[in-house]
Amino acid sequence: MPSTSTKSEPEHAYKEMYSKSRRSALPPKTEAPDFTLRSTPDQWLSLSEFRGQPVVLAFYPADWSPVCGDQMALYNEMLKEFHDLGAELIGISVDGAWCHAAFARDRKLHFPLLADFEPKGDIARRYGVYRYKDGVSERALFVIDADGKVYWSFVSPVGVNPGEPMEFFLRWRICKTNKQCRQRWRPNDQPNVSQIAGP
């Protein structure tokens, strides 16, 4: 008997893959797992190198996808503000170092993209943001405080760019981990982002 379904199986599976998020990211106050990953084909970078300052880890599914390109471009525009708040920004995906190098050059990105390539997704797994079915990481953000602990984490649906108001909210979260910045922040500078949890 012919199928009565109006949607093809591949189309349904594709939409399902990008519509859900496991949302199992490491919670606040957890010790952030240290790691050392390739930042270029011949250079390595460790999280522990940034101990003493806030770090924003931006996990994303893959280079070259439209949403990831927009997301990384947004963070690149915010880079000076991150640095003004004393924070470092690091992107992480399961792509290899050569792929990252081409992507960063094409999009003119000025922050490191780390290759969570082999063992595939090992760091994403340790942070609780690996999509086992799809073989990529979630679109997830972590603010790591100066003591190396997760201060805040957020997982977005894979096909959605956090965008605004995430931009403002990230600045606020980073600022709360930095004493000098807290002293400059005005009391009414509070983001209204009800869907985002954190301390």
C-alpha atoms as a PDB file:
ATOM      1  CA  MET A   1       0.000   0.000   0.000  1.00  0.00           C
ATOM      2  CA  PRO A   2       1.440   3.461  -0.896  1.00  0.00           C
ATOM      3  CA  SER A   3       2.405   5.771   1.978  1.00  0.00           C
ATOM      4  CA  THR A   4      -0.048   8.557   2.870  1.00  0.00           C
ATOM      5  CA  SER A   5       2.671  10.719   4.458  1.00  0.00           C
ATOM      6  CA  THR A   6       3.007  14.191   2.966  1.00  0.00           C
ATOM      7  CA  LYS A   7       6.609  14.596   4.115  1.00  0.00           C
ATOM      8  CA  SER A   8       9.590  12.606   2.966  1.00  0.00           C
ATOM      9  CA  GLU A   9      11.524  10.742   5.626  1.00  0.00           C
ATOM     10  CA  PRO A  10      14.824  12.604   4.939  1.00  0.00           C
ATOM     11  CA  GLU A  11      13.112  16.012   5.215  1.00  0.00           C
ATOM     12  CA  HIS A  12      11.433  15.075   8.486  1.00  0.00           C
ATOM     13  CA  ALA A  13      14.682  13.684   9.912  1.00  0.00           C
ATOM     14  CA  TYR A  14      16.597  16.838   8.916  1.00  0.00           C
ATOM     15  CA  LYS A  15      14.128  19.162  10.627  1.00  0.00           C
ATOM     16  CA  GLU A  16      14.021  16.952  13.708  1.00  0.00           C
ATOM     17  CA  MET A  17      17.809  16.949  13.959  1.00  0.00           C
ATOM     18  CA  TYR A  18      18.008  20.740  14.131  1.00  0.00           C
ATOM     19  CA  SER A  19      14.887  21.412  16.195  1.00  0.00           C
ATOM     20  CA  LYS A  20      15.882  19.918  19.525  1.00  0.00           C
ATOM     21  CA  SER A  21      18.646  20.522  22.030  1.00  0.00           C
ATOM     22  CA  ARG A  22      19.754  18.116  24.767  1.00  0.00           C
ATOM     23  CA  ARG A  23      20.449  21.026  27.154  1.00  0.00           C
ATOM     24  CA  SER A  24      22.802  19.048  29.382  1.00  0.00           C
ATOM     25  CA  ALA A  25      25.563  21.651  29.657  1.00  0.00           C
ATOM     26  CA  LEU A  26      27.757  21.779  32.744  1.00  0.00           C
ATOM     27  CA  PRO A  27      25.972  23.908  35.342  1.00  0.00           C
ATOM     28  CA  PRO A  28      27.354  26.979  37.125  1.00  0.00           C
ATOM     29  CA  LYS A  29      29.956  26.455  39.898  1.00  0.00           C
ATOM     30  CA  THR A  30      31.329  23.345  38.154  1.00  0.00           C
ATOM     31  CA  GLU A  31      35.090  23.182  37.636  1.00  0.00           C
ATOM     32  CA  ALA A  32      35.619  23.817  33.917  1.00  0.00           C
ATOM     33  CA  PRO A  33      37.461  20.851  32.358  1.00  0.00           C
ATOM     34  CA  ASP A  34      40.862  21.948  31.099  1.00  0.00           C
ATOM     35  CA  PHE A  35      41.844  21.088  27.550  1.00  0.00           C
ATOM     36  CA  THR A  36      44.546  21.560  24.947  1.00  0.00           C
ATOM     37  CA  LEU A  37      43.406  21.754  21.309  1.00  0.00           C
ATOM     38  CA  ARG A  38      44.849  22.864  17.985  1.00  0.00           C
ATOM     39  CA  SER A  39      44.271  26.549  17.280  1.00  0.00           C
ATOM     40  CA  THR A  40      46.083  26.344  13.924  1.00  0.00           C
ATOM     41  CA  PRO A  41      47.539  23.388  12.009  1.00  0.00           C
ATOM     42  CA  ASP A  42      50.815  23.815  13.944  1.00  0.00           C
ATOM     43  CA  GLN A  43      49.796  25.553  17.210  1.00  0.00           C
ATOM     44  CA  TRP A  44      47.968  24.471  20.359  1.00  0.00           C
ATOM     45  CA  LEU A  45      46.004  26.385  22.985  1.00  0.00           C
ATOM     46  CA  SER A  46      45.030  25.387  26.538  1.00  0.00           C
ATOM     47  CA  LEU A  47      42.184  26.764  28.639  1.00  0.00           C
ATOM     48  CA  SER A  48      44.532  26.957  31.633  1.00  0.00           C
ATOM     49  CA  GLU A  49      46.584  29.629  29.833  1.00  0.00           C
ATOM     50  CA  PHE A  50      43.777  32.085  30.622  1.00  0.00           C
ATOM     51  CA  ARG A  51      43.470  31.371  34.345  1.00  0.00           C
ATOM     52  CA  GLY A  52      42.932  34.669  36.170  1.00  0.00           C
ATOM     53  CA  GLN A  53      40.532  36.174  33.623  1.00  0.00           C
ATOM     54  CA  PRO A  54      37.046  35.378  32.286  1.00  0.00           C
ATOM     55  CA  VAL A  55      36.833  33.209  29.180  1.00  0.00           C
ATOM     56  CA  VAL A  56      33.850  32.786  26.870  1.00  0.00           C
ATOM     57  CA  LEU A  57      33.720  29.368  25.214  1.00  0.00           C
ATOM     58  CA  ALA A  58      31.463  29.367  22.162  1.00  0.00           C
ATOM     59  CA  PHE A  59      30.731  25.804  21.022  1.00  0.00           C
ATOM     60  CA  TYR A  60      29.098  25.598  17.593  1.00  0.00           C
ATOM     61  CA  PRO A  61      28.142  22.727  15.258  1.00  0.00           C
ATOM     62  CA  ALA A  62      30.216  23.352  12.131  1.00  0.00           C
ATOM     63  CA  ASP A  63      32.168  25.840  10.053  1.00  0.00           C
ATOM     64  CA  TRP A  64      30.497  27.140   6.896  1.00  0.00           C
ATOM     65  CA  SER A  65      26.898  26.612   7.976  1.00  0.00           C
ATOM     66  CA  PRO A  66      24.834  29.828   7.585  1.00  0.00           C
ATOM     67  CA  VAL A  67      23.884  30.121  11.261  1.00  0.00           C
ATOM     68  CA  CYS A  68      27.417  29.458  12.504  1.00  0.00           C
ATOM     69  CA  GLY A  69      28.809  32.052  10.109  1.00  0.00           C
ATOM     70  CA  ASP A  70      26.390  34.684  11.432  1.00  0.00           C
ATOM     71  CA  GLN A  71      27.086  33.713  15.042  1.00  0.00           C
ATOM     72  CA  MET A  72      30.862  33.906  14.724  1.00  0.00           C
ATOM     73  CA  ALA A  73      30.601  37.196  12.797  1.00  0.00           C
ATOM     74  CA  LEU A  74      28.518  38.662  15.634  1.00  0.00           C
ATOM     75  CA  TYR A  75      31.087  37.627  18.235  1.00  0.00           C
ATOM     76  CA  ASN A  76      33.873  39.005  16.051  1.00  0.00           C
ATOM     77  CA  GLU A  77      32.112  42.387  16.056  1.00  0.00           C
ATOM     78  CA  MET A  78      31.889  42.186  19.859  1.00  0.00           C
ATOM     79  CA  LEU A  79      35.534  41.185  20.302  1.00  0.00           C
ATOM     80  CA  LYS A  80      36.786  44.602  21.453  1.00  0.00           C
ATOM     81  CA  GLU A  81      34.026  44.725  24.058  1.00  0.00           C
ATOM     82  CA  PHE A  82      35.004  41.279  25.327  1.00  0.00           C
ATOM     83  CA  HIS A  83      38.616  42.429  25.636  1.00  0.00           C
ATOM     84  CA  ASP A  84      37.575  45.691  27.307  1.00  0.00           C
ATOM     85  CA  LEU A  85      35.826  43.546  29.934  1.00  0.00           C
ATOM     86  CA  GLY A  86      39.021  41.539  30.417  1.00  0.00           C
ATOM     87  CA  ALA A  87      37.601  38.417  28.753  1.00  0.00           C
ATOM     88  CA  GLU A  88      38.938  36.101  26.067  1.00  0.00           C
ATOM     89  CA  LEU A  89      36.689  34.552  23.416  1.00  0.00           C
ATOM     90  CA  ILE A  90      37.306  31.058  22.049  1.00  0.00           C
ATOM     91  CA  GLY A  91      35.262  29.175  19.430  1.00  0.00           C
ATOM     92  CA  ILE A  92      35.167  25.365  19.433  1.00  0.00           C
ATOM     93  CA  SER A  93      33.737  22.865  16.945  1.00  0.00           C
ATOM     94  CA  VAL A  94      34.510  19.353  15.729  1.00  0.00           C
ATOM     95  CA  ASP A  95      36.022  20.680  12.473  1.00  0.00           C
ATOM     96  CA  GLY A  96      39.733  20.178  11.825  1.00  0.00           C
ATOM     97  CA  ALA A  97      42.391  22.880  12.157  1.00  0.00           C
ATOM     98  CA  TRP A  98      42.740  23.367   8.385  1.00  0.00           C
ATOM     99  CA  CYS A  99      38.990  23.839   8.021  1.00  0.00           C
ATOM    100  CA  HIS A 100      39.041  26.380  10.869  1.00  0.00           C
ATOM    101  CA  ALA A 101      41.929  28.231   9.242  1.00  0.00           C
ATOM    102  CA  ALA A 102      40.044  28.582   5.950  1.00  0.00           C
ATOM    103  CA  PHE A 103      36.805  29.564   7.706  1.00  0.00           C
ATOM    104  CA  ALA A 104      38.500  32.182   9.914  1.00  0.00           C
ATOM    105  CA  ARG A 105      40.342  33.661   6.938  1.00  0.00           C
ATOM    106  CA  ASP A 106      37.175  33.804   4.821  1.00  0.00           C
ATOM    107  CA  ARG A 107      35.090  35.407   7.612  1.00  0.00           C
ATOM    108  CA  LYS A 108      37.969  37.607   8.866  1.00  0.00           C
ATOM    109  CA  LEU A 109      37.678  36.280  12.415  1.00  0.00           C
ATOM    110  CA  HIS A 110      40.210  37.522  14.968  1.00  0.00           C
ATOM    111  CA  PHE A 111      39.747  35.046  17.804  1.00  0.00           C
ATOM    112  CA  PRO A 112      40.899  31.419  18.011  1.00  0.00           C
ATOM    113  CA  LEU A 113      38.814  28.559  16.673  1.00  0.00           C
ATOM    114  CA  LEU A 114      39.807  25.293  18.319  1.00  0.00           C
ATOM    115  CA  ALA A 115      39.586  21.885  16.653  1.00  0.00           C
ATOM    116  CA  ASP A 116      37.725  19.375  18.848  1.00  0.00           C
ATOM    117  CA  PHE A 117      38.571  16.927  16.083  1.00  0.00           C
ATOM    118  CA  GLU A 118      40.355  13.888  17.521  1.00  0.00           C
ATOM    119  CA  PRO A 119      39.067  12.226  19.579  1.00  0.00           C
ATOM    120  CA  LYS A 120      36.023  13.703  17.857  1.00  0.00           C
ATOM    121  CA  GLY A 121      33.977  15.926  20.140  1.00  0.00           C
ATOM    122  CA  ASP A 122      35.931  14.948  23.266  1.00  0.00           C
ATOM    123  CA  ILE A 123      35.785  18.431  24.791  1.00  0.00           C
ATOM    124  CA  ALA A 124      32.132  18.934  23.835  1.00  0.00           C
ATOM    125  CA  ARG A 125      31.366  15.636  25.600  1.00  0.00           C
ATOM    126  CA  ARG A 126      33.185  16.767  28.735  1.00  0.00           C
ATOM    127  CA  TYR A 127      31.169  19.987  28.767  1.00  0.00           C
ATOM    128  CA  GLY A 128      27.927  18.058  28.188  1.00  0.00           C
ATOM    129  CA  VAL A 129      27.165  19.603  24.806  1.00  0.00           C
ATOM    130  CA  TYR A 130      27.910  16.853  22.258  1.00  0.00           C
ATOM    131  CA  ARG A 131      25.104  15.658  19.989  1.00  0.00           C
ATOM    132  CA  TYR A 132      25.879  11.947  19.748  1.00  0.00           C
ATOM    133  CA  LYS A 133      23.291  11.275  17.054  1.00  0.00           C
ATOM    134  CA  ASP A 134      24.575  14.044  14.796  1.00  0.00           C
ATOM    135  CA  GLY A 135      28.314  13.985  15.518  1.00  0.00           C
ATOM    136  CA  VAL A 136      28.539  17.731  16.251  1.00  0.00           C
ATOM    137  CA  SER A 137      28.428  19.950  19.316  1.00  0.00           C
ATOM    138  CA  GLU A 138      25.445  21.908  20.487  1.00  0.00           C
ATOM    139  CA  ARG A 139      25.377  25.662  19.936  1.00  0.00           C
ATOM    140  CA  ALA A 140      26.440  26.414  23.503  1.00  0.00           C
ATOM    141  CA  LEU A 141      28.028  29.254  25.450  1.00  0.00           C
ATOM    142  CA  PHE A 142      30.024  29.073  28.673  1.00  0.00           C
ATOM    143  CA  VAL A 143      31.434  31.922  30.719  1.00  0.00           C
ATOM    144  CA  ILE A 144      34.405  30.577  32.708  1.00  0.00           C
ATOM    145  CA  ASP A 145      35.394  32.768  35.641  1.00  0.00           C
ATOM    146  CA  ALA A 146      38.901  33.782  36.693  1.00  0.00           C
ATOM    147  CA  ASP A 147      39.097  30.766  39.035  1.00  0.00           C
ATOM    148  CA  GLY A 148      38.427  28.305  36.233  1.00  0.00           C
ATOM    149  CA  LYS A 149      34.812  27.510  37.154  1.00  0.00           C
ATOM    150  CA  VAL A 150      31.707  27.619  34.992  1.00  0.00           C
ATOM    151  CA  TYR A 151      30.023  30.897  35.908  1.00  0.00           C
ATOM    152  CA  TRP A 152      27.165  30.574  33.411  1.00  0.00           C
ATOM    153  CA  SER A 153      26.129  28.300  30.555  1.00  0.00           C
ATOM    154  CA  PHE A 154      23.467  28.371  27.865  1.00  0.00           C
ATOM    155  CA  VAL A 155      22.460  25.977  25.080  1.00  0.00           C
ATOM    156  CA  SER A 156      20.605  27.318  22.057  1.00  0.00           C
ATOM    157  CA  PRO A 157      18.701  25.231  19.500  1.00  0.00           C
ATOM    158  CA  VAL A 158      21.267  24.188  16.881  1.00  0.00           C
ATOM    159  CA  GLY A 159      19.600  26.052  14.025  1.00  0.00           C
ATOM    160  CA  VAL A 160      19.124  29.298  15.961  1.00  0.00           C
ATOM    161  CA  ASN A 161      21.688  32.086  16.359  1.00  0.00           C
ATOM    162  CA  PRO A 162      21.472  33.413  19.959  1.00  0.00           C
ATOM    163  CA  GLY A 163      21.942  36.975  18.638  1.00  0.00           C
ATOM    164  CA  GLU A 164      20.178  39.744  20.555  1.00  0.00           C
ATOM    165  CA  PRO A 165      19.607  39.924  23.477  1.00  0.00           C
ATOM    166  CA  MET A 166      22.424  37.406  23.946  1.00  0.00           C
ATOM    167  CA  GLU A 167      24.988  40.057  22.987  1.00  0.00           C
ATOM    168  CA  PHE A 168      24.012  42.295  25.905  1.00  0.00           C
ATOM    169  CA  PHE A 169      23.542  39.378  28.254  1.00  0.00           C
ATOM    170  CA  LEU A 170      27.030  38.014  27.563  1.00  0.00           C
ATOM    171  CA  ARG A 171      28.605  41.382  28.337  1.00  0.00           C
ATOM    172  CA  TRP A 172      26.686  41.490  31.596  1.00  0.00           C
ATOM    173  CA  ARG A 173      27.720  37.980  32.609  1.00  0.00           C
ATOM    174  CA  ILE A 174      31.374  38.635  31.818  1.00  0.00           C
ATOM    175  CA  CYS A 175      31.236  41.886  33.740  1.00  0.00           C
ATOM    176  CA  LYS A 176      29.941  40.123  36.849  1.00  0.00           C
ATOM    177  CA  THR A 177      33.120  38.008  36.895  1.00  0.00           C
ATOM    178  CA  ASN A 178      35.389  41.079  36.717  1.00  0.00           C
ATOM    179  CA  LYS A 179      35.708  43.327  39.799  1.00  0.00           C
ATOM    180  CA  GLN A 180      36.722  46.502  37.948  1.00  0.00           C
ATOM    181  CA  CYS A 181      33.891  46.084  35.489  1.00  0.00           C
ATOM    182  CA  ARG A 182      31.363  45.524  38.301  1.00  0.00           C
ATOM    183  CA  GLN A 183      32.372  48.849  39.805  1.00  0.00           C
ATOM    184  CA  ARG A 184      31.626  50.637  36.494  1.00  0.00           C
ATOM    185  CA  TRP A 185      28.356  48.844  35.741  1.00  0.00           C
ATOM    186  CA  ARG A 186      25.226  50.940  36.380  1.00  0.00           C
ATOM    187  CA  PRO A 187      22.516  49.399  38.632  1.00  0.00           C
ATOM    188  CA  ASN A 188      19.884  49.611  35.877  1.00  0.00           C
ATOM    189  CA  ASP A 189      22.078  47.789  33.363  1.00  0.00           C
ATOM    190  CA  GLN A 190      20.225  44.512  33.877  1.00  0.00           C
ATOM    191  CA  PRO A 191      19.240  42.393  30.890  1.00  0.00           C
ATOM    192  CA  ASN A 192      15.689  41.099  30.712  1.00  0.00           C
ATOM    193  CA  VAL A 193      16.275  37.635  29.327  1.00  0.00           C
ATOM    194  CA  SER A 194      13.754  35.439  31.109  1.00  0.00           C
ATOM    195  CA  GLN A 195      14.536  32.303  29.120  1.00  0.00           C
ATOM    196  CA  ILE A 196      18.196  32.198  30.180  1.00  0.00           C
ATOM    197  CA  ALA A 197      19.098  30.624  33.508  1.00  0.00           C
ATOM    198  CA  GLY A 198      22.137  31.380  35.631  1.00  0.00           C
ATOM    199  CA  PRO A 199      23.282  32.554  39.065  1.00  0.00           C
END
